PDB file of N, CA and C in Angstrom:
ATOM      1  N   UNK A   1       0.832  -1.175   0.000  1.00  0.00           N
ATOM      2  CA  UNK A   1       0.000   0.000   0.000  1.00  0.00           C
ATOM      3  C   UNK A   1       0.877   1.239   0.000  1.00  0.00           C
ATOM      4  N   UNK A   2       0.517   2.171  -0.806  1.00  0.00           N
ATOM      5  CA  UNK A   2       1.229   3.446  -0.842  1.00  0.00           C
ATOM      6  C   UNK A   2       0.290   4.542  -0.376  1.00  0.00           C
ATOM      7  N   UNK A   3       0.760   5.385   0.515  1.00  0.00           N
ATOM      8  CA  UNK A   3      -0.040   6.477   1.030  1.00  0.00           C
ATOM      9  C   UNK A   3       0.696   7.785   0.792  1.00  0.00           C
ATOM     10  N   UNK A   4      -0.048   8.779   0.349  1.00  0.00           N
ATOM     11  CA  UNK A   4       0.527  10.113   0.186  1.00  0.00           C
ATOM     12  C   UNK A   4       0.012  10.989   1.308  1.00  0.00           C
ATOM     13  N   UNK A   5       0.884  11.802   1.849  1.00  0.00           N
ATOM     14  CA  UNK A   5       0.502  12.698   2.934  1.00  0.00           C
ATOM     15  C   UNK A   5      -0.097  13.978   2.376  1.00  0.00           C
ATOM     16  N   UNK A   6      -1.248  14.379   2.886  1.00  0.00           N
ATOM     17  CA  UNK A   6      -1.784  15.688   2.551  1.00  0.00           C
ATOM     18  C   UNK A   6      -1.355  16.677   3.644  1.00  0.00           C
ATOM     19  N   UNK A   7      -1.786  17.912   3.538  1.00  0.00           N
ATOM     20  CA  UNK A   7      -1.348  18.926   4.505  1.00  0.00           C
ATOM     21  C   UNK A   7      -1.726  18.551   5.935  1.00  0.00           C
ATOM     22  N   UNK A   8      -2.945  18.040   6.145  1.00  0.00           N
ATOM     23  CA  UNK A   8      -3.371  17.671   7.499  1.00  0.00           C
ATOM     24  C   UNK A   8      -2.516  16.530   8.031  1.00  0.00           C
ATOM     25  N   UNK A   9      -2.171  15.598   7.165  1.00  0.00           N
ATOM     26  CA  UNK A   9      -1.355  14.465   7.594  1.00  0.00           C
ATOM     27  C   UNK A   9       0.051  14.901   7.967  1.00  0.00           C
ATOM     28  N   UNK A  10       0.578  15.868   7.258  1.00  0.00           N
ATOM     29  CA  UNK A  10       1.924  16.343   7.561  1.00  0.00           C
ATOM     30  C   UNK A  10       1.994  16.966   8.947  1.00  0.00           C
ATOM     31  N   UNK A  11       0.912  17.609   9.375  1.00  0.00           N
ATOM     32  CA  UNK A  11       0.889  18.187  10.726  1.00  0.00           C
ATOM     33  C   UNK A  11       0.910  17.089  11.772  1.00  0.00           C
ATOM     34  N   UNK A  12       0.383  15.918  11.433  1.00  0.00           N
ATOM     35  CA  UNK A  12       0.322  14.816  12.381  1.00  0.00           C
ATOM     36  C   UNK A  12       1.457  13.821  12.182  1.00  0.00           C
ATOM     37  N   UNK A  13       2.462  14.191  11.420  1.00  0.00           N
ATOM     38  CA  UNK A  13       3.535  13.254  11.113  1.00  0.00           C
ATOM     39  C   UNK A  13       4.438  12.977  12.307  1.00  0.00           C
ATOM     40  N   UNK A  14       4.181  13.642  13.430  1.00  0.00           N
ATOM     41  CA  UNK A  14       4.990  13.387  14.608  1.00  0.00           C
ATOM     42  C   UNK A  14       4.527  12.125  15.348  1.00  0.00           C
ATOM     43  N   UNK A  15       3.492  11.459  14.843  1.00  0.00           N
ATOM     44  CA  UNK A  15       3.050  10.198  15.445  1.00  0.00           C
ATOM     45  C   UNK A  15       4.111   9.136  15.220  1.00  0.00           C
ATOM     46  N   UNK A  16       4.266   8.254  16.190  1.00  0.00           N
ATOM     47  CA  UNK A  16       5.262   7.207  16.043  1.00  0.00           C
ATOM     48  C   UNK A  16       4.787   6.161  15.035  1.00  0.00           C
ATOM     49  N   UNK A  17       5.713   5.394  14.511  1.00  0.00           N
ATOM     50  CA  UNK A  17       5.412   4.414  13.463  1.00  0.00           C
ATOM     51  C   UNK A  17       4.406   3.364  13.927  1.00  0.00           C
ATOM     52  N   UNK A  18       4.491   2.946  15.173  1.00  0.00           N
ATOM     53  CA  UNK A  18       3.575   1.923  15.688  1.00  0.00           C
ATOM     54  C   UNK A  18       2.136   2.444  15.685  1.00  0.00           C
ATOM     55  N   UNK A  19       1.948   3.705  16.045  1.00  0.00           N
ATOM     56  CA  UNK A  19       0.612   4.311  16.031  1.00  0.00           C
ATOM     57  C   UNK A  19       0.065   4.387  14.610  1.00  0.00           C
ATOM     58  N   UNK A  20       0.917   4.773  13.680  1.00  0.00           N
ATOM     59  CA  UNK A  20       0.497   4.849  12.272  1.00  0.00           C
ATOM     60  C   UNK A  20       0.075   3.475  11.755  1.00  0.00           C
ATOM     61  N   UNK A  21       0.865   2.442  12.065  1.00  0.00           N
ATOM     62  CA  UNK A  21       0.532   1.089  11.621  1.00  0.00           C
ATOM     63  C   UNK A  21      -0.804   0.633  12.198  1.00  0.00           C
ATOM     64  N   UNK A  22      -1.039   0.934  13.468  1.00  0.00           N
ATOM     65  CA  UNK A  22      -2.289   0.525  14.116  1.00  0.00           C
ATOM     66  C   UNK A  22      -3.481   1.245  13.503  1.00  0.00           C
ATOM     67  N   UNK A  23      -3.333   2.531  13.207  1.00  0.00           N
ATOM     68  CA  UNK A  23      -4.431   3.269  12.580  1.00  0.00           C
ATOM     69  C   UNK A  23      -4.752   2.703  11.199  1.00  0.00           C
ATOM     70  N   UNK A  24      -3.736   2.374  10.436  1.00  0.00           N
ATOM     71  CA  UNK A  24      -3.949   1.793   9.108  1.00  0.00           C
ATOM     72  C   UNK A  24      -4.621   0.429   9.227  1.00  0.00           C
ATOM     73  N   UNK A  25      -4.188  -0.368  10.227  1.00  0.00           N
ATOM     74  CA  UNK A  25      -4.784  -1.693  10.426  1.00  0.00           C
ATOM     75  C   UNK A  25      -6.269  -1.573  10.770  1.00  0.00           C
ATOM     76  N   UNK A  26      -6.608  -0.643  11.660  1.00  0.00           N
ATOM     77  CA  UNK A  26      -8.004  -0.457  12.063  1.00  0.00           C
ATOM     78  C   UNK A  26      -8.845  -0.019  10.870  1.00  0.00           C
ATOM     79  N   UNK A  27      -8.340   0.907  10.081  1.00  0.00           N
ATOM     80  CA  UNK A  27      -9.080   1.350   8.896  1.00  0.00           C
ATOM     81  C   UNK A  27      -9.280   0.207   7.896  1.00  0.00           C
ATOM     82  N   UNK A  28      -8.261  -0.626   7.725  1.00  0.00           N
ATOM     83  CA  UNK A  28      -8.364  -1.755   6.813  1.00  0.00           C
ATOM     84  C   UNK A  28      -9.395  -2.762   7.308  1.00  0.00           C
ATOM     85  N   UNK A  29      -9.442  -3.001   8.615  1.00  0.00           N
ATOM     86  CA  UNK A  29     -10.440  -3.921   9.184  1.00  0.00           C
ATOM     87  C   UNK A  29     -11.835  -3.344   8.988  1.00  0.00           C
ATOM     88  N   UNK A  30     -12.001  -2.059   9.285  1.00  0.00           N
ATOM     89  CA  UNK A  30     -13.317  -1.416   9.161  1.00  0.00           C
ATOM     90  C   UNK A  30     -13.821  -1.423   7.729  1.00  0.00           C
ATOM     91  N   UNK A  31     -12.920  -1.377   6.768  1.00  0.00           N
ATOM     92  CA  UNK A  31     -13.314  -1.360   5.362  1.00  0.00           C
ATOM     93  C   UNK A  31     -13.331  -2.750   4.744  1.00  0.00           C
ATOM     94  N   UNK A  32     -13.121  -3.770   5.552  1.00  0.00           N
ATOM     95  CA  UNK A  32     -13.209  -5.141   5.069  1.00  0.00           C
ATOM     96  C   UNK A  32     -12.044  -5.597   4.225  1.00  0.00           C
ATOM     97  N   UNK A  33     -10.931  -4.884   4.280  1.00  0.00           N
ATOM     98  CA  UNK A  33      -9.773  -5.254   3.468  1.00  0.00           C
ATOM     99  C   UNK A  33      -8.982  -6.396   4.078  1.00  0.00           C
ATOM    100  N   UNK A  34      -8.982  -6.470   5.412  1.00  0.00           N
ATOM    101  CA  UNK A  34      -8.299  -7.566   6.104  1.00  0.00           C
ATOM    102  C   UNK A  34      -9.203  -8.058   7.231  1.00  0.00           C
ATOM    103  N   UNK A  35      -8.940  -9.289   7.687  1.00  0.00           N
ATOM    104  CA  UNK A  35      -9.702  -9.852   8.797  1.00  0.00           C
ATOM    105  C   UNK A  35      -9.274  -9.240  10.118  1.00  0.00           C
ATOM    106  N   UNK A  36     -10.222  -9.138  11.032  1.00  0.00           N
ATOM    107  CA  UNK A  36      -9.895  -8.694  12.381  1.00  0.00           C
ATOM    108  C   UNK A  36      -9.402  -9.902  13.150  1.00  0.00           C
ATOM    109  N   UNK A  37      -8.124  -9.916  13.484  1.00  0.00           N
ATOM    110  CA  UNK A  37      -7.529 -11.071  14.147  1.00  0.00           C
ATOM    111  C   UNK A  37      -7.380 -10.876  15.653  1.00  0.00           C
ATOM    112  N   UNK A  38      -7.894  -9.766  16.166  1.00  0.00           N
ATOM    113  CA  UNK A  38      -7.849  -9.547  17.613  1.00  0.00           C
ATOM    114  C   UNK A  38      -8.788 -10.532  18.288  1.00  0.00           C
ATOM    115  N   UNK A  39      -8.354 -11.041  19.430  1.00  0.00           N
ATOM    116  CA  UNK A  39      -9.162 -12.005  20.168  1.00  0.00           C
ATOM    117  C   UNK A  39      -9.424 -11.478  21.565  1.00  0.00           C
ATOM    118  N   UNK A  40     -10.633 -11.757  22.052  1.00  0.00           N
ATOM    119  CA  UNK A  40     -10.964 -11.429  23.431  1.00  0.00           C
ATOM    120  C   UNK A  40     -10.405 -12.547  24.298  1.00  0.00           C
ATOM    121  N   UNK A  41      -9.419 -12.237  25.112  1.00  0.00           N
ATOM    122  CA  UNK A  41      -8.751 -13.242  25.925  1.00  0.00           C
ATOM    123  C   UNK A  41      -9.324 -13.182  27.329  1.00  0.00           C
ATOM    124  N   UNK A  42      -9.995 -14.280  27.719  1.00  0.00           N
ATOM    125  CA  UNK A  42     -10.587 -14.344  29.056  1.00  0.00           C
ATOM    126  C   UNK A  42      -9.653 -15.023  30.044  1.00  0.00           C
ATOM    127  N   UNK A  43      -8.821 -15.927  29.542  1.00  0.00           N
ATOM    128  CA  UNK A  43      -7.888 -16.638  30.409  1.00  0.00           C
ATOM    129  C   UNK A  43      -6.514 -16.639  29.750  1.00  0.00           C
ATOM    130  N   UNK A  44      -5.577 -15.907  30.346  1.00  0.00           N
ATOM    131  CA  UNK A  44      -4.233 -15.852  29.774  1.00  0.00           C
ATOM    132  C   UNK A  44      -3.563 -17.222  29.792  1.00  0.00           C
ATOM    133  N   UNK A  45      -3.810 -18.012  30.842  1.00  0.00           N
ATOM    134  CA  UNK A  45      -3.212 -19.349  30.905  1.00  0.00           C
ATOM    135  C   UNK A  45      -3.677 -20.189  29.717  1.00  0.00           C
ATOM    136  N   UNK A  46      -4.982 -20.195  29.443  1.00  0.00           N
ATOM    137  CA  UNK A  46      -5.515 -20.979  28.323  1.00  0.00           C
ATOM    138  C   UNK A  46      -4.993 -20.435  26.993  1.00  0.00           C
ATOM    139  N   UNK A  47      -4.944 -19.108  26.862  1.00  0.00           N
ATOM    140  CA  UNK A  47      -4.469 -18.482  25.627  1.00  0.00           C
ATOM    141  C   UNK A  47      -3.043 -18.939  25.309  1.00  0.00           C
ATOM    142  N   UNK A  48      -2.145 -18.845  26.290  1.00  0.00           N
ATOM    143  CA  UNK A  48      -0.758 -19.230  26.046  1.00  0.00           C
ATOM    144  C   UNK A  48      -0.623 -20.748  25.892  1.00  0.00           C
ATOM    145  N   UNK A  49      -1.446 -21.500  26.576  1.00  0.00           N
ATOM    146  CA  UNK A  49      -1.413 -22.959  26.420  1.00  0.00           C
ATOM    147  C   UNK A  49      -1.820 -23.325  24.982  1.00  0.00           C
ATOM    148  N   UNK A  50      -2.843 -22.637  24.447  1.00  0.00           N
ATOM    149  CA  UNK A  50      -3.271 -22.892  23.062  1.00  0.00           C
ATOM    150  C   UNK A  50      -2.185 -22.509  22.063  1.00  0.00           C
ATOM    151  N   UNK A  51      -1.368 -21.515  22.406  1.00  0.00           N
ATOM    152  CA  UNK A  51      -0.269 -21.108  21.529  1.00  0.00           C
ATOM    153  C   UNK A  51       0.909 -22.080  21.624  1.00  0.00           C
ATOM    154  N   UNK A  52       0.908 -22.890  22.679  1.00  0.00           N
ATOM    155  CA  UNK A  52       1.990 -23.844  22.862  1.00  0.00           C
ATOM    156  C   UNK A  52       3.179 -23.287  23.634  1.00  0.00           C
ATOM    157  N   UNK A  53       2.970 -22.172  24.320  1.00  0.00           N
ATOM    158  CA  UNK A  53       4.079 -21.597  25.106  1.00  0.00           C
ATOM    159  C   UNK A  53       3.829 -21.762  26.570  1.00  0.00           C
TER     160      UNK A  53
END
């Protein structure tokens, strides 16, 4: 994906890279471009056991 910065985006360019990636991911999920892979974790022990760690 290629993104061009407009004037408003340039003012916000002080955001860190991780924040930018997360915003792009959320927009892509909302627009149906990628699957939402976030999971609601109720038990950390079970979650890590399922991962095999």
